[in-house]
Protein backbone atom coordinates (compact mmCIF):
# COMPACT_ATOMS: atom_id res chain seq x y z
CA MET A 1 127.98 111.15 110.13
CA ARG A 2 126.23 109.65 107.21
CA ASN A 3 128.28 107.63 104.68
CA SER A 4 129.27 110.17 101.92
CA GLU A 5 131.38 109.76 98.54
CA PHE A 6 131.95 112.57 96.46
CA GLU A 7 133.51 112.32 92.83
CA ILE A 8 134.22 115.00 89.99
CA ARG A 9 133.39 113.82 86.36
CA ASN A 10 135.39 116.17 83.98
CA GLU A 11 135.28 114.48 80.78
CA TRP A 12 132.63 116.72 79.17
CA ILE A 13 132.23 117.95 75.30
CA GLY A 14 129.71 120.37 74.27
CA GLU A 15 128.74 123.49 72.18
CA ARG A 16 127.86 126.89 73.24
CA ARG A 17 124.17 126.34 72.52
CA LEU A 18 124.07 122.63 72.95
CA ARG A 19 126.26 122.47 76.37
CA LEU A 20 123.39 121.93 78.67
CA LEU A 21 121.80 118.71 77.40
CA VAL A 22 125.13 117.51 76.54
CA ALA A 23 126.34 118.10 79.68
CA ILE A 24 123.59 116.36 81.62
CA ILE A 25 123.51 113.31 79.12
CA VAL A 26 126.99 112.80 79.33
CA TRP A 27 126.83 112.93 83.19
CA LEU A 28 124.13 110.74 83.21
CA ALA A 29 125.83 108.09 81.28
CA ALA A 30 129.10 108.15 82.89
CA ALA A 31 128.41 108.88 86.64
CA LEU A 32 125.12 106.64 86.88
CA GLY A 33 126.09 103.80 84.47
CA MET A 34 122.90 101.70 85.55
CA GLU A 35 121.87 99.09 83.36
CA ALA A 36 119.12 97.79 85.61
CA LEU A 37 117.78 100.95 86.53
CA ALA A 38 114.13 101.79 86.46
CA GLN A 39 113.29 105.31 86.04
CA ASP A 40 109.90 106.48 88.40
CA GLN A 41 108.79 102.87 87.89
CA PRO A 42 107.15 101.39 90.80
CA VAL A 43 108.52 98.12 92.55
CA ALA A 44 105.76 95.74 92.04
CA ASP A 45 105.24 92.41 93.45
CA GLN A 46 106.59 89.53 91.68
CA LYS A 47 103.40 87.58 91.70
CA SER A 48 101.00 89.99 91.00
CA GLY A 49 102.77 92.46 89.16
CA VAL A 50 101.24 95.30 91.08
CA GLU A 51 102.93 97.64 93.53
CA THR A 52 102.10 96.91 97.40
CA ALA A 53 100.76 99.67 99.30
CA ALA A 54 103.83 99.18 101.32
CA ARG A 55 106.31 99.76 98.81
CA LYS A 56 104.36 102.61 97.80
CA LYS A 57 104.37 104.02 101.32
CA GLN A 58 108.14 103.52 101.31
CA ARG A 59 108.91 105.16 98.00
CA GLU A 60 107.26 108.41 99.05
CA GLU A 61 108.97 108.40 102.49
CA ASN A 62 112.14 107.71 100.66
CA LEU A 63 111.64 110.63 98.15
CA LYS A 64 110.69 113.19 100.89
CA ALA A 65 113.69 112.25 102.71
CA MET A 66 116.06 112.40 99.63
CA GLU A 67 114.16 116.06 98.95
CA GLU A 68 115.18 117.15 102.37
CA ARG A 69 118.65 116.28 101.98
CA ALA A 70 119.10 117.96 98.81
CA ARG A 71 117.15 121.14 99.80
CA ALA A 72 119.60 121.13 103.05
CA THR A 73 122.53 121.23 100.50
CA LYS A 74 124.29 124.59 99.44
CA ILE A 75 126.05 125.10 96.28
CA ARG A 76 127.90 128.32 95.61
CA LEU A 77 130.19 130.01 92.88
CA THR A 78 133.29 131.25 94.48
CA GLY A 79 135.07 132.27 91.45
CA ASP A 80 134.70 135.75 89.85
CA ALA A 81 131.16 135.16 89.21
CA LYS A 82 130.05 134.72 92.92
CA GLY A 83 126.72 133.79 93.94
CA ARG A 84 124.44 130.70 95.16
CA ALA A 85 122.74 128.14 92.93
CA ASP A 86 119.27 127.56 93.20
CA LEU A 87 118.10 123.78 93.75
CA ILE A 88 115.58 122.57 90.88
CA THR A 89 112.56 121.73 92.64
CA GLN A 90 111.95 118.37 91.34
CA PRO A 91 114.32 115.55 90.80
CA LEU A 92 115.94 115.19 87.47
CA PHE A 93 115.94 111.76 87.53
CA HIS A 94 114.51 108.88 90.00
CA TYR A 95 115.80 105.51 89.77
CA THR A 96 116.10 102.13 91.92
CA ASP A 97 119.06 99.44 91.32
CA GLU A 98 118.57 96.10 92.82
CA PRO A 99 121.36 94.71 92.04
CA ARG A 100 123.66 97.14 93.55
CA ARG A 101 121.13 97.12 96.80
CA ILE A 102 119.61 100.70 96.01
CA THR A 103 115.96 100.60 97.21
CA ASP A 104 115.56 104.15 95.93
CA ALA A 105 117.80 107.27 94.58
CA THR A 106 117.36 110.30 92.83
CA LEU A 107 119.44 112.74 91.08
CA TRP A 108 119.26 116.36 91.78
CA GLY A 109 120.36 119.74 90.10
CA TRP A 110 121.53 123.07 90.96
CA THR A 111 121.21 126.28 88.57
CA PHE A 112 122.91 129.72 88.32
CA GLU A 113 121.51 132.40 85.80
CA GLY A 114 119.59 129.54 83.78
CA ARG A 115 122.47 127.04 83.52
CA LEU A 116 123.04 123.97 85.50
CA LEU A 117 125.79 124.13 87.56
CA ALA A 118 125.99 121.09 89.59
CA VAL A 119 124.39 117.64 90.31
CA CYS A 120 124.26 115.32 93.27
CA LYS A 121 122.90 112.04 93.57
CA ILE A 122 121.36 110.56 96.71
CA GLU A 123 120.94 106.85 97.38
CA LYS A 124 119.46 104.95 99.97
CA TYR A 125 120.72 101.25 100.23
CA ASP A 126 119.46 98.15 101.58
CA ILE A 127 122.10 98.02 104.43
CA ASP A 128 121.32 97.53 108.01
CA ASP A 129 124.20 99.76 109.30
CA PRO A 130 122.69 103.28 109.46
CA ALA A 131 126.35 104.76 108.59
CA LYS A 132 126.15 102.93 105.09
CA LYS A 133 122.43 103.59 104.37
CA TRP A 134 122.63 106.76 102.70
CA LEU A 135 125.34 107.68 99.86
CA TYR A 136 125.91 110.98 98.31
CA CYS A 137 127.77 111.38 94.95
CA PHE A 138 128.65 115.26 93.69
CA GLY A 139 129.62 116.42 90.27
CA SER A 140 130.52 119.78 88.95
CA LEU A 141 128.93 121.22 86.14
CA ALA A 142 130.61 124.57 86.27
CA SER A 143 133.38 126.13 84.26
CA GLU A 144 134.18 128.14 87.16
CA LEU A 145 135.05 127.00 90.85
CA ILE A 146 132.26 126.17 93.15
CA GLU A 147 131.81 124.77 96.73
CA GLY A 148 129.40 122.77 98.19
CA GLU A 149 128.27 122.23 101.99
CA TRP A 150 126.00 119.30 103.16
CA GLU A 151 123.60 119.22 106.19
CA TRP A 152 125.79 117.39 108.72
CA GLY A 153 128.84 119.88 108.34
CA HIS A 154 130.78 118.47 105.34
CA THR A 155 132.14 120.78 103.24
CA TRP A 156 133.93 120.62 99.96
CA SER A 157 135.72 123.16 97.34
CA ALA A 158 136.69 122.83 93.73
CA LYS A 159 140.53 123.16 92.85
CA LYS A 160 139.63 123.16 89.33
CA PRO A 161 136.58 123.98 86.90
CA GLY A 162 134.19 120.96 86.58
CA ILE A 163 134.06 121.05 83.09
CA GLU A 164 135.87 122.21 79.98
CA LEU A 165 133.80 123.38 76.95
CA VAL A 166 134.95 122.10 73.35
CA ARG A 167 133.06 123.19 70.13
CA ILE A 168 131.89 120.40 68.12
CA SER A 169 133.44 121.54 64.63
CA SER A 170 131.44 119.12 62.87
CA ALA A 171 127.89 120.12 64.40
CA PRO A 172 125.20 121.88 62.29
CA SER A 173 124.32 125.57 63.01
CA PRO A 174 121.57 125.74 65.35
CA ALA A 175 118.32 125.19 63.56
CA ALA A 176 115.37 127.79 63.88
CA GLY A 177 112.72 125.90 65.32
CA LYS A 178 112.59 124.47 68.93
CA GLY A 179 111.69 121.14 67.77
CA ALA A 180 114.51 120.91 64.99
CA ARG A 181 117.00 122.13 67.47
CA LEU A 182 116.09 118.96 69.93
CA ARG A 183 116.43 116.86 67.02
CA GLN A 184 120.08 118.29 66.66
CA MET A 185 120.85 117.47 70.06
CA LYS A 186 119.65 114.08 70.00
CA GLU A 187 121.70 113.48 66.88
CA ILE A 188 124.79 114.88 68.63
CA ALA A 189 124.19 113.04 71.70
CA GLY A 190 123.92 109.97 70.00
CA ARG A 191 127.84 110.19 68.98
CA PHE A 192 128.78 109.64 72.43
CA ALA A 193 129.26 106.36 74.13
CA ALA A 194 130.24 105.34 77.81
CA THR A 195 131.30 102.02 79.23
CA ILE A 196 131.55 100.51 82.87
CA ILE A 197 134.76 98.43 83.00
CA ASP A 198 135.56 96.24 85.62
CA PRO A 199 139.25 95.17 86.05
CA LYS A 200 138.75 92.78 88.61
CA ALA A 201 135.96 90.96 86.94
CA GLY A 202 137.12 91.50 83.56
CA THR A 203 133.87 92.70 82.49
CA ARG A 204 132.60 95.46 80.13
CA GLU A 205 129.08 96.92 80.35
CA GLU A 206 127.85 99.32 77.36
CA MET A 207 125.64 101.94 79.19
CA ARG A 208 122.28 103.18 77.73
CA LEU A 209 122.02 106.57 76.51
CA LEU A 210 119.04 108.47 78.61
CA PRO A 211 117.56 111.91 77.64
């Protein structure tokens, strides 16, 4: 059985027309928290600054392996609105985190009737032990109950909704144009902040906001 870790993040704030973007941003900030992450950036040779052919091939193989794992994952609504969620064909996010020995990782999303329902990050670690090389971290973004099933037979069922939507009373009315609405979303997202706290080390790390 592959090593797995399943977490639910339940702290969310959103407005009806803004909830999708806000949910993605808050989850990325709270669940990933990677100050040394590189989005879709090749790992370069330290001397030449150019990605090696071996590393490029490895990245391609890792991405294919992560995609296969994501496609094998089944996410379903189990409440009143029953149905199977659809996997977004491309990862929402692709990153590495060398300080944490993550050689490659991706974040995947599933939708139901046009709304983001769940996300799962799949990470590959620089660890010799095959049982600890892959890690999964799953989060519900559903206001209903959902369940998940993974390729090696592991199943998980939510005991409560993954998010609770709360209106932002001070937010402006949605603008008429798409560009103007995106600017409004950016301004609202900028009001949020997230911090990694390590009680043992006594450290605090402010996380970056990522669109």
